[in-house]
N, C-alpha and C. Protein backbone atom coordinates (compact mmCIF):
# COMPACT_ATOMS: atom_id res chain seq x y z
N PRO A 1 16.00 -40.40 53.88
CA PRO A 1 16.28 -40.24 52.22
C PRO A 1 17.35 -41.41 51.45
N GLY A 2 18.15 -41.65 52.74
CA GLY A 2 19.08 -42.73 52.32
C GLY A 2 18.45 -44.34 52.20
N CYS A 3 17.34 -44.29 52.45
CA CYS A 3 16.51 -45.58 52.81
C CYS A 3 15.18 -45.62 51.81
N PRO A 4 15.49 -46.00 50.36
CA PRO A 4 14.67 -45.92 49.22
C PRO A 4 13.01 -46.71 49.56
N GLU A 5 13.68 -47.56 50.17
CA GLU A 5 12.32 -48.43 50.65
C GLU A 5 11.63 -48.59 52.17
N GLY A 6 11.90 -47.28 52.83
CA GLY A 6 11.72 -46.88 53.75
C GLY A 6 11.74 -47.67 55.48
N ILE A 7 11.96 -46.99 56.36
CA ILE A 7 12.53 -47.89 57.27
C ILE A 7 10.73 -47.39 58.41
N VAL A 8 10.09 -48.40 58.50
CA VAL A 8 9.26 -48.66 59.65
C VAL A 8 8.90 -50.08 60.20
N PRO A 9 9.49 -50.07 61.49
CA PRO A 9 9.23 -51.45 61.99
C PRO A 9 7.53 -51.86 62.21
N TYR A 10 7.85 -53.27 61.90
CA TYR A 10 6.25 -53.44 61.87
C TYR A 10 5.46 -53.23 63.21
N PRO A 11 5.81 -53.50 64.38
CA PRO A 11 4.93 -53.39 65.37
C PRO A 11 4.30 -51.88 65.55
N MET A 12 5.38 -50.98 64.87
CA MET A 12 4.36 -49.64 64.79
C MET A 12 3.82 -49.47 63.88
N TRP A 13 4.23 -50.18 62.59
CA TRP A 13 3.24 -50.33 61.57
C TRP A 13 1.76 -50.69 61.64
N LYS A 14 1.70 -51.60 62.90
CA LYS A 14 0.47 -52.43 62.96
C LYS A 14 -0.28 -51.42 63.77
N THR A 15 0.39 -50.69 64.83
CA THR A 15 -0.21 -49.77 65.63
C THR A 15 -0.80 -48.89 64.92
N LEU A 16 -0.27 -48.36 63.88
CA LEU A 16 -0.80 -46.97 63.33
C LEU A 16 -2.17 -47.89 62.30
N LEU A 17 -1.91 -48.74 61.74
CA LEU A 17 -3.17 -49.20 60.88
C LEU A 17 -4.36 -49.69 61.66
N ASP A 18 -4.07 -50.15 63.31
CA ASP A 18 -5.10 -50.50 64.15
C ASP A 18 -5.75 -49.11 64.39
N ALA A 19 -4.69 -48.20 64.86
CA ALA A 19 -5.36 -46.82 65.15
C ALA A 19 -5.91 -46.27 64.10
N LEU A 20 -5.87 -46.65 62.66
CA LEU A 20 -6.42 -45.40 62.01
C LEU A 20 -7.38 -46.33 60.74
N PRO A 21 -7.87 -47.24 61.15
CA PRO A 21 -8.34 -48.01 60.25
C PRO A 21 -9.06 -47.68 58.83
N ASP A 22 -8.98 -46.20 58.75
CA ASP A 22 -10.01 -46.05 57.54
C ASP A 22 -9.11 -44.79 56.86
N ALA A 23 -7.51 -44.75 57.10
CA ALA A 23 -7.01 -44.05 56.55
C ALA A 23 -6.26 -44.47 55.39
N ARG A 24 -6.09 -43.38 54.42
CA ARG A 24 -4.98 -44.00 53.47
C ARG A 24 -3.75 -43.54 53.45
N PHE A 25 -2.68 -44.01 53.18
CA PHE A 25 -1.57 -43.73 53.10
C PHE A 25 -0.53 -43.63 51.77
N GLN A 26 -0.15 -42.81 51.69
CA GLN A 26 0.66 -42.62 50.10
C GLN A 26 2.56 -42.32 50.67
N ASP A 27 3.21 -42.95 49.71
CA ASP A 27 4.80 -42.55 49.92
C ASP A 27 4.88 -41.62 49.33
N VAL A 28 5.28 -40.51 50.23
CA VAL A 28 6.18 -39.64 50.06
C VAL A 28 7.63 -39.42 49.96
N THR A 29 8.59 -40.29 49.61
CA THR A 29 9.81 -40.71 49.89
C THR A 29 10.18 -39.59 49.19
N TRP A 30 9.95 -39.57 47.66
CA TRP A 30 10.93 -39.07 46.61
C TRP A 30 10.55 -37.48 46.87
N PRO A 31 9.22 -37.29 47.21
CA PRO A 31 9.09 -35.43 46.86
C PRO A 31 9.69 -35.07 48.44
N LEU A 32 9.75 -36.10 49.26
CA LEU A 32 10.61 -35.38 50.59
C LEU A 32 12.18 -35.39 50.40
N ARG A 33 12.38 -36.39 49.52
CA ARG A 33 14.26 -36.33 49.00
C ARG A 33 14.42 -35.28 48.20
N GLU A 34 13.60 -34.46 47.76
CA GLU A 34 13.59 -33.21 46.73
C GLU A 34 13.86 -32.16 47.85
N LEU A 35 12.95 -32.25 48.69
CA LEU A 35 12.94 -31.23 49.58
C LEU A 35 14.07 -31.10 50.15
N MET A 36 14.53 -32.28 50.90
CA MET A 36 15.64 -32.33 51.94
C MET A 36 17.09 -31.83 50.83
N ILE A 37 17.15 -32.11 49.72
CA ILE A 37 18.72 -32.21 48.80
C ILE A 37 18.74 -30.52 48.54
N GLU A 38 17.60 -29.84 48.55
CA GLU A 38 17.81 -28.13 48.52
C GLU A 38 18.49 -27.86 49.50
N LYS A 39 19.12 -27.00 49.57
CA LYS A 39 19.84 -26.44 50.65
C LYS A 39 20.30 -24.60 50.73
N SER A 40 19.58 -24.28 51.68
CA SER A 40 19.74 -22.74 51.84
C SER A 40 21.27 -22.59 51.71
N GLU A 41 21.40 -21.13 52.06
CA GLU A 41 22.99 -20.35 52.03
C GLU A 41 23.05 -20.63 53.33
N GLU A 42 22.95 -20.47 54.26
CA GLU A 42 23.16 -20.97 55.34
C GLU A 42 23.46 -22.46 55.48
N GLU A 43 22.93 -22.91 55.28
CA GLU A 43 23.27 -25.04 55.12
C GLU A 43 24.52 -24.88 54.13
N LEU A 44 24.61 -24.26 53.29
CA LEU A 44 25.90 -24.16 52.45
C LEU A 44 26.92 -23.97 52.96
N VAL A 45 26.99 -23.06 53.93
CA VAL A 45 28.01 -22.57 54.61
C VAL A 45 28.45 -23.53 55.97
N VAL A 46 27.49 -23.95 56.08
CA VAL A 46 27.83 -25.16 57.35
C VAL A 46 27.99 -26.21 56.62
N LEU A 47 27.75 -26.89 55.77
CA LEU A 47 28.52 -27.76 54.86
C LEU A 47 29.86 -27.75 54.60
N ARG A 48 30.31 -26.65 53.83
CA ARG A 48 31.48 -26.22 53.44
C ARG A 48 32.48 -26.02 54.79
N HIS A 49 32.07 -25.73 55.90
CA HIS A 49 32.60 -25.50 57.36
C HIS A 49 32.84 -27.19 57.60
N CYS A 50 32.03 -27.68 57.66
CA CYS A 50 31.87 -29.50 57.81
C CYS A 50 33.09 -30.01 56.85
N GLY A 51 32.83 -29.53 55.76
CA GLY A 51 33.78 -30.38 54.64
C GLY A 51 35.26 -29.76 55.15
N ARG A 52 35.59 -28.75 55.30
CA ARG A 52 36.91 -28.59 56.15
C ARG A 52 37.41 -29.18 57.08
N ILE A 53 36.75 -29.36 58.27
CA ILE A 53 36.59 -30.21 59.09
C ILE A 53 37.33 -31.31 59.10
N GLY A 54 36.30 -32.27 57.69
CA GLY A 54 36.57 -33.64 57.28
C GLY A 54 38.15 -33.62 56.39
N GLU A 55 38.32 -32.40 55.69
CA GLU A 55 39.73 -32.08 55.18
C GLU A 55 41.22 -32.60 56.55
N LEU A 56 40.21 -31.69 57.45
CA LEU A 56 41.59 -31.37 58.58
C LEU A 56 41.45 -33.21 58.88
N ALA A 57 40.70 -34.15 59.32
CA ALA A 57 40.69 -35.09 59.79
C ALA A 57 41.65 -36.24 58.41
N CYS A 58 40.89 -35.91 57.34
CA CYS A 58 41.88 -37.05 56.35
C CYS A 58 43.35 -36.47 56.35
N GLN A 59 43.84 -34.98 56.53
CA GLN A 59 45.00 -34.91 56.73
C GLN A 59 45.71 -35.29 58.00
N ALA A 60 44.85 -35.45 59.18
CA ALA A 60 45.47 -36.26 60.01
C ALA A 60 45.97 -37.84 59.82
N MET A 61 44.89 -38.60 59.15
CA MET A 61 45.16 -39.77 59.07
C MET A 61 46.07 -40.04 58.39
N LEU A 62 46.86 -38.81 57.39
CA LEU A 62 47.65 -39.17 56.56
C LEU A 62 48.98 -39.11 57.08
N ASP A 63 49.20 -37.89 58.34
CA ASP A 63 49.98 -38.11 59.14
C ASP A 63 50.07 -39.11 59.75
N ALA A 64 49.22 -39.56 60.47
CA ALA A 64 49.38 -40.86 61.22
C ALA A 64 49.71 -42.38 60.69
N VAL A 65 49.50 -42.36 59.42
CA VAL A 65 49.92 -43.57 59.03
C VAL A 65 51.60 -43.93 58.48
N LYS A 66 52.20 -44.41 59.69
CA LYS A 66 53.56 -44.26 59.11
C LYS A 66 53.69 -45.96 59.57
N LEU A 67 54.94 -46.12 59.11
CA LEU A 67 55.17 -47.71 59.65
C LEU A 67 55.12 -47.89 61.08
N GLY A 68 54.28 -48.82 61.42
CA GLY A 68 54.53 -49.58 62.88
C GLY A 68 53.50 -48.51 63.55
N ALA A 69 52.88 -47.69 62.84
CA ALA A 69 51.46 -47.11 63.63
C ALA A 69 50.50 -48.36 63.90
N THR A 70 49.60 -47.93 64.70
CA THR A 70 48.57 -49.10 65.38
C THR A 70 47.54 -48.59 64.27
N GLU A 71 46.19 -49.24 64.22
CA GLU A 71 45.28 -48.73 63.82
C GLU A 71 44.51 -47.78 65.34
N TYR A 72 44.65 -48.15 66.09
CA TYR A 72 44.01 -47.29 67.40
C TYR A 72 44.41 -46.05 67.13
N ALA A 73 45.69 -45.85 66.98
CA ALA A 73 46.73 -44.41 66.86
C ALA A 73 46.02 -43.48 65.40
N VAL A 74 45.80 -44.21 64.42
CA VAL A 74 45.40 -43.60 63.06
C VAL A 74 43.86 -43.14 63.40
N TYR A 75 43.20 -44.47 63.99
CA TYR A 75 41.56 -44.27 64.06
C TYR A 75 41.73 -43.00 65.11
N ALA A 76 42.23 -42.89 66.36
CA ALA A 76 42.21 -41.89 67.05
C ALA A 76 42.82 -40.48 66.36
N ALA A 77 43.67 -40.62 65.82
CA ALA A 77 44.29 -39.16 64.95
C ALA A 77 42.68 -38.37 64.15
N ILE A 78 42.20 -39.51 63.70
CA ILE A 78 40.88 -39.17 62.38
C ILE A 78 40.09 -38.50 63.72
N GLN A 79 39.34 -39.14 64.75
CA GLN A 79 38.47 -39.02 65.49
C GLN A 79 38.82 -37.61 65.89
N ASP A 80 39.76 -37.36 66.42
CA ASP A 80 40.45 -36.18 67.49
C ASP A 80 39.95 -35.11 66.56
N ALA A 81 40.62 -35.21 65.29
CA ALA A 81 40.47 -33.95 64.38
C ALA A 81 39.11 -33.65 64.44
N ILE A 82 38.30 -34.54 64.18
CA ILE A 82 36.93 -34.30 64.21
C ILE A 82 36.57 -33.48 65.31
N HIS A 83 36.49 -34.08 66.40
CA HIS A 83 35.92 -33.38 67.46
C HIS A 83 36.64 -32.10 68.17
N ARG A 84 38.18 -32.24 67.81
CA ARG A 84 38.52 -31.17 68.41
C ARG A 84 38.19 -29.54 67.46
N ASN A 85 37.81 -30.26 66.40
CA ASN A 85 37.12 -29.06 65.46
C ASN A 85 35.76 -29.04 65.52
N GLY A 86 35.01 -28.74 66.61
CA GLY A 86 33.99 -28.64 67.05
C GLY A 86 32.65 -29.89 66.08
N ALA A 87 33.02 -30.76 65.56
CA ALA A 87 32.14 -31.69 64.93
C ALA A 87 32.47 -33.14 65.91
N MET A 88 31.10 -33.70 64.99
CA MET A 88 31.17 -34.80 65.58
C MET A 88 31.16 -35.86 64.70
N ALA A 89 31.28 -37.84 64.74
CA ALA A 89 30.98 -38.33 64.09
C ALA A 89 30.14 -39.21 63.98
N ARG A 90 29.40 -39.39 63.19
CA ARG A 90 27.56 -40.29 63.16
C ARG A 90 27.68 -41.46 62.55
N ASP A 91 27.51 -42.29 63.18
CA ASP A 91 27.46 -43.57 63.31
C ASP A 91 27.12 -44.12 61.53
N PRO A 92 28.13 -44.80 60.90
CA PRO A 92 28.96 -45.52 61.35
C PRO A 92 30.30 -44.76 61.95
N PHE A 93 30.20 -43.91 62.36
CA PHE A 93 31.70 -43.28 62.94
C PHE A 93 32.74 -43.15 61.91
N LEU A 94 33.36 -44.38 61.70
CA LEU A 94 34.58 -44.25 60.86
C LEU A 94 34.65 -45.86 60.43
N ILE A 95 34.69 -45.68 59.06
CA ILE A 95 34.66 -46.99 58.46
C ILE A 95 36.34 -47.33 58.12
N MET A 96 36.92 -48.12 57.93
CA MET A 96 38.50 -48.07 58.26
C MET A 96 39.00 -49.72 57.71
N THR A 97 39.64 -49.72 56.60
CA THR A 97 39.97 -51.19 56.11
C THR A 97 41.24 -50.95 56.12
N TRP A 98 42.20 -52.04 56.40
CA TRP A 98 43.17 -52.49 56.88
C TRP A 98 44.39 -53.42 56.05
N GLY A 99 45.31 -52.95 55.19
CA GLY A 99 46.15 -54.52 54.93
C GLY A 99 45.60 -55.03 54.01
N ARG A 100 46.27 -56.14 53.15
CA ARG A 100 45.90 -56.40 51.83
C ARG A 100 44.89 -57.28 51.92
N ASP A 101 44.26 -58.53 52.96
CA ASP A 101 43.61 -59.10 53.12
C ASP A 101 42.04 -58.68 53.63
N ASP A 102 42.29 -57.40 53.70
CA ASP A 102 40.82 -56.86 54.24
C ASP A 102 39.86 -56.48 53.63
N LEU A 103 38.76 -57.45 52.89
CA LEU A 103 38.20 -57.17 51.81
C LEU A 103 36.58 -56.24 52.19
N GLY A 104 36.55 -56.08 53.62
CA GLY A 104 35.26 -55.86 54.05
C GLY A 104 35.16 -53.94 53.93
N TRP A 105 34.23 -53.45 54.22
CA TRP A 105 33.86 -52.20 54.66
C TRP A 105 33.26 -51.96 55.48
N PHE A 106 33.97 -51.41 56.53
CA PHE A 106 33.07 -51.67 58.41
C PHE A 106 33.86 -50.64 58.83
N GLU A 107 33.31 -50.49 60.15
CA GLU A 107 34.28 -50.33 61.17
C GLU A 107 35.42 -51.15 61.85
N PRO A 108 36.39 -50.82 61.93
CA PRO A 108 37.47 -51.46 62.60
C PRO A 108 36.67 -52.56 63.04
N ALA A 109 37.65 -54.11 62.99
CA ALA A 109 37.08 -55.41 63.41
C ALA A 109 37.20 -54.92 65.48
N TRP A 110 38.34 -54.52 65.63
CA TRP A 110 38.16 -54.30 66.88
C TRP A 110 37.21 -53.47 67.79
N THR A 111 36.11 -53.10 67.01
CA THR A 111 35.17 -51.54 67.49
C THR A 111 34.12 -53.03 67.80
N TRP A 112 33.99 -53.99 67.63
CA TRP A 112 32.69 -54.85 67.61
C TRP A 112 33.16 -56.01 68.26
N GLN A 113 34.63 -56.64 67.77
CA GLN A 113 35.27 -57.94 68.52
C GLN A 113 35.91 -57.76 69.19
N GLY A 114 36.25 -56.64 69.63
CA GLY A 114 37.83 -56.91 70.26
C GLY A 114 38.80 -57.19 69.35
N GLY A 115 39.94 -57.49 70.29
CA GLY A 115 41.19 -57.85 69.48
C GLY A 115 42.51 -57.00 69.53
N PRO A 116 43.47 -57.41 69.25
CA PRO A 116 44.66 -56.60 69.10
C PRO A 116 44.78 -55.73 67.93
N PRO A 117 44.85 -54.48 67.73
CA PRO A 117 45.18 -53.26 66.82
C PRO A 117 45.93 -53.61 65.71
N ARG A 118 45.69 -53.57 64.54
CA ARG A 118 46.68 -53.95 63.07
C ARG A 118 47.93 -53.11 63.11
N LYS A 119 48.79 -52.92 62.72
CA LYS A 119 49.93 -52.36 62.55
C LYS A 119 50.55 -51.93 61.40
N VAL A 120 51.09 -50.92 60.58
CA VAL A 120 51.12 -50.28 59.64
C VAL A 120 52.73 -51.09 58.99
N GLU A 121 52.35 -51.62 57.73
CA GLU A 121 53.15 -52.69 57.46
C GLU A 121 53.46 -52.28 56.01
N PRO A 122 54.47 -52.80 55.38
CA PRO A 122 54.95 -52.15 54.12
C PRO A 122 54.05 -52.64 52.99
N GLY A 123 53.73 -51.84 51.91
CA GLY A 123 52.57 -52.40 51.14
C GLY A 123 50.98 -52.61 51.59
N ASP A 124 51.00 -51.97 52.85
CA ASP A 124 49.54 -52.08 53.16
C ASP A 124 48.77 -50.87 52.22
N VAL A 125 47.27 -51.17 52.10
CA VAL A 125 46.40 -50.08 51.61
C VAL A 125 45.82 -49.86 52.84
N ILE A 126 45.24 -48.43 52.94
CA ILE A 126 44.59 -48.38 54.19
C ILE A 126 43.34 -47.40 53.59
N MET A 127 42.13 -47.98 53.89
CA MET A 127 40.98 -46.68 52.95
C MET A 127 40.31 -46.28 54.43
N ALA A 128 39.60 -45.57 54.05
CA ALA A 128 38.55 -44.69 55.32
C ALA A 128 37.47 -43.96 54.76
N GLU A 129 36.38 -44.00 55.44
CA GLU A 129 35.57 -43.28 55.08
C GLU A 129 35.08 -42.35 56.53
N LEU A 130 35.08 -41.12 56.36
CA LEU A 130 34.73 -40.48 57.53
C LEU A 130 32.92 -39.76 57.59
N PHE A 131 32.73 -39.72 59.02
CA PHE A 131 31.50 -39.13 58.93
C PHE A 131 31.02 -37.82 59.65
N PRO A 132 32.03 -36.53 59.26
CA PRO A 132 31.87 -35.66 60.15
C PRO A 132 30.80 -34.99 60.28
N SER A 133 30.07 -34.49 61.35
CA SER A 133 28.76 -33.79 61.43
C SER A 133 28.95 -32.68 62.51
N TYR A 134 28.55 -31.66 61.22
CA TYR A 134 28.51 -30.19 62.18
C TYR A 134 27.34 -29.44 62.26
N ALA A 135 26.46 -29.10 63.33
CA ALA A 135 25.28 -28.53 63.19
C ALA A 135 24.20 -29.33 62.61
N GLY A 136 24.38 -30.59 62.82
CA GLY A 136 23.63 -31.25 62.15
C GLY A 136 23.59 -32.00 60.93
N LEU A 137 24.46 -31.10 59.98
CA LEU A 137 24.72 -31.55 58.92
C LEU A 137 26.22 -32.41 58.61
N GLU A 138 25.88 -33.68 57.65
CA GLU A 138 26.91 -33.85 57.64
C GLU A 138 27.85 -34.23 56.30
N THR A 139 29.13 -34.18 55.98
CA THR A 139 30.16 -34.79 54.68
C THR A 139 30.50 -36.07 55.20
N GLN A 140 31.22 -36.36 54.25
CA GLN A 140 31.78 -37.43 54.34
C GLN A 140 33.06 -37.30 53.12
N GLN A 141 34.08 -38.20 53.58
CA GLN A 141 35.03 -37.83 52.79
C GLN A 141 35.99 -39.32 52.69
N GLN A 142 36.84 -39.93 51.73
CA GLN A 142 36.97 -40.87 51.29
C GLN A 142 38.57 -40.86 51.59
N MET A 143 39.19 -41.56 52.38
CA MET A 143 40.72 -41.79 52.01
C MET A 143 41.54 -43.09 51.43
N CYS A 144 42.41 -43.32 50.84
CA CYS A 144 42.89 -44.34 50.75
C CYS A 144 44.48 -43.96 50.63
N ILE A 145 45.07 -44.70 51.57
CA ILE A 145 46.87 -44.49 51.75
C ILE A 145 47.24 -45.78 51.33
N ALA A 146 48.05 -45.88 50.38
CA ALA A 146 49.25 -47.01 50.07
C ALA A 146 50.45 -46.93 50.49
N VAL A 147 51.17 -47.83 51.26
CA VAL A 147 52.27 -47.95 51.90
C VAL A 147 53.28 -48.22 50.93
N ALA A 148 54.31 -47.77 50.48
CA ALA A 148 55.57 -48.10 49.75
C ALA A 148 55.92 -49.45 50.65
N PRO A 149 56.48 -50.54 49.76
CA PRO A 149 56.45 -50.23 48.39
C PRO A 149 54.63 -50.75 47.54
N VAL A 150 54.37 -49.84 46.66
CA VAL A 150 53.13 -50.03 46.45
C VAL A 150 53.31 -50.97 45.22
N GLU A 151 52.17 -52.07 45.13
CA GLU A 151 51.90 -53.01 44.22
C GLU A 151 51.62 -52.25 42.86
N PRO A 152 52.04 -53.17 41.91
CA PRO A 152 51.47 -52.05 40.42
C PRO A 152 50.12 -52.00 40.31
N SER A 153 49.51 -53.13 40.79
CA SER A 153 48.11 -53.04 40.57
C SER A 153 47.38 -51.63 41.28
N VAL A 154 47.75 -51.69 42.29
CA VAL A 154 47.31 -50.29 43.18
C VAL A 154 47.38 -49.03 42.34
N GLU A 155 48.73 -49.03 42.12
CA GLU A 155 49.18 -48.26 41.18
C GLU A 155 48.24 -47.64 40.19
N ALA A 156 48.21 -48.63 39.33
CA ALA A 156 47.00 -48.56 38.44
C ALA A 156 45.65 -48.23 38.46
N LEU A 157 45.37 -48.81 39.71
CA LEU A 157 43.94 -48.04 39.86
C LEU A 157 44.17 -46.90 40.61
N ALA A 158 45.00 -46.38 41.12
CA ALA A 158 45.29 -45.08 41.80
C ALA A 158 44.82 -43.96 40.53
N SER A 159 45.45 -44.84 39.56
CA SER A 159 45.50 -43.98 38.41
C SER A 159 44.35 -43.38 37.53
N VAL A 160 43.36 -44.77 37.76
CA VAL A 160 42.83 -44.80 36.74
C VAL A 160 41.12 -43.54 37.93
N ALA A 161 41.32 -43.95 38.96
CA ALA A 161 40.80 -43.35 39.96
C ALA A 161 40.97 -41.41 39.67
N ARG A 162 42.15 -41.35 39.60
CA ARG A 162 42.83 -39.90 39.73
C ARG A 162 41.94 -39.22 38.33
N GLU A 163 42.21 -40.14 37.06
CA GLU A 163 42.00 -39.86 35.85
C GLU A 163 39.99 -39.53 35.74
N CYS A 164 38.91 -40.23 36.69
CA CYS A 164 37.80 -40.51 36.44
C CYS A 164 37.63 -39.12 37.71
N TYR A 165 38.27 -38.93 38.41
CA TYR A 165 38.17 -37.66 39.53
C TYR A 165 38.58 -36.10 38.70
N GLU A 166 39.30 -36.40 37.80
CA GLU A 166 39.60 -35.10 37.04
C GLU A 166 38.34 -34.91 35.71
N ALA A 167 38.58 -36.29 35.25
CA ALA A 167 36.79 -35.94 34.50
C ALA A 167 35.72 -35.48 35.31
N GLY A 168 35.54 -35.84 35.92
CA GLY A 168 34.21 -35.32 36.77
C GLY A 168 34.41 -33.78 37.42
N ILE A 169 35.39 -33.54 37.68
CA ILE A 169 35.72 -32.00 38.09
C ILE A 169 35.55 -31.25 36.77
N THR A 170 36.09 -31.68 35.89
CA THR A 170 36.06 -31.08 34.33
C THR A 170 34.25 -31.05 34.08
N THR A 171 33.93 -32.23 34.33
CA THR A 171 32.37 -31.94 34.07
C THR A 171 31.44 -30.93 34.83
N LEU A 172 31.95 -30.75 36.03
CA LEU A 172 31.11 -30.08 37.05
C LEU A 172 31.52 -28.85 36.66
N LYS A 173 32.54 -28.35 35.90
CA LYS A 173 32.98 -26.75 35.84
C LYS A 173 32.06 -26.64 34.47
């Protein structure tokens, strides 16, 4: 459901077409999405529990971000909170950007290219997206931690984000 264009590798599609030359195919992506988005009461209970695990992982991140702490330690604290509470992280497991010059949005560089971990420094902005999964259902949490001294532009953006959040909560209520 997260890929509206669908994902069917060509060799699989070719095999299917060859095996079923008279078949007609119809895109059912949107009706399937509508079926999947509706949740039972049991699924909602599971999602709320998974969300609580995600919140514990966010708190673990907040607790781990201290001057001089390594990226490894912050990553481990988040994952420990997820696993210690009975959940797992799904691919991409944990997106974490770090520092003033990190403009990407992906898993930490050392997870795929090696190298030393970064360390928390004054003025860093550390952002993460967590993907805890419990009983086959996933929630996502977003974290952004600014380490003092915080640049004025970062504070201004944080204020705008908070205003948008509050407006969204008001609208949902």
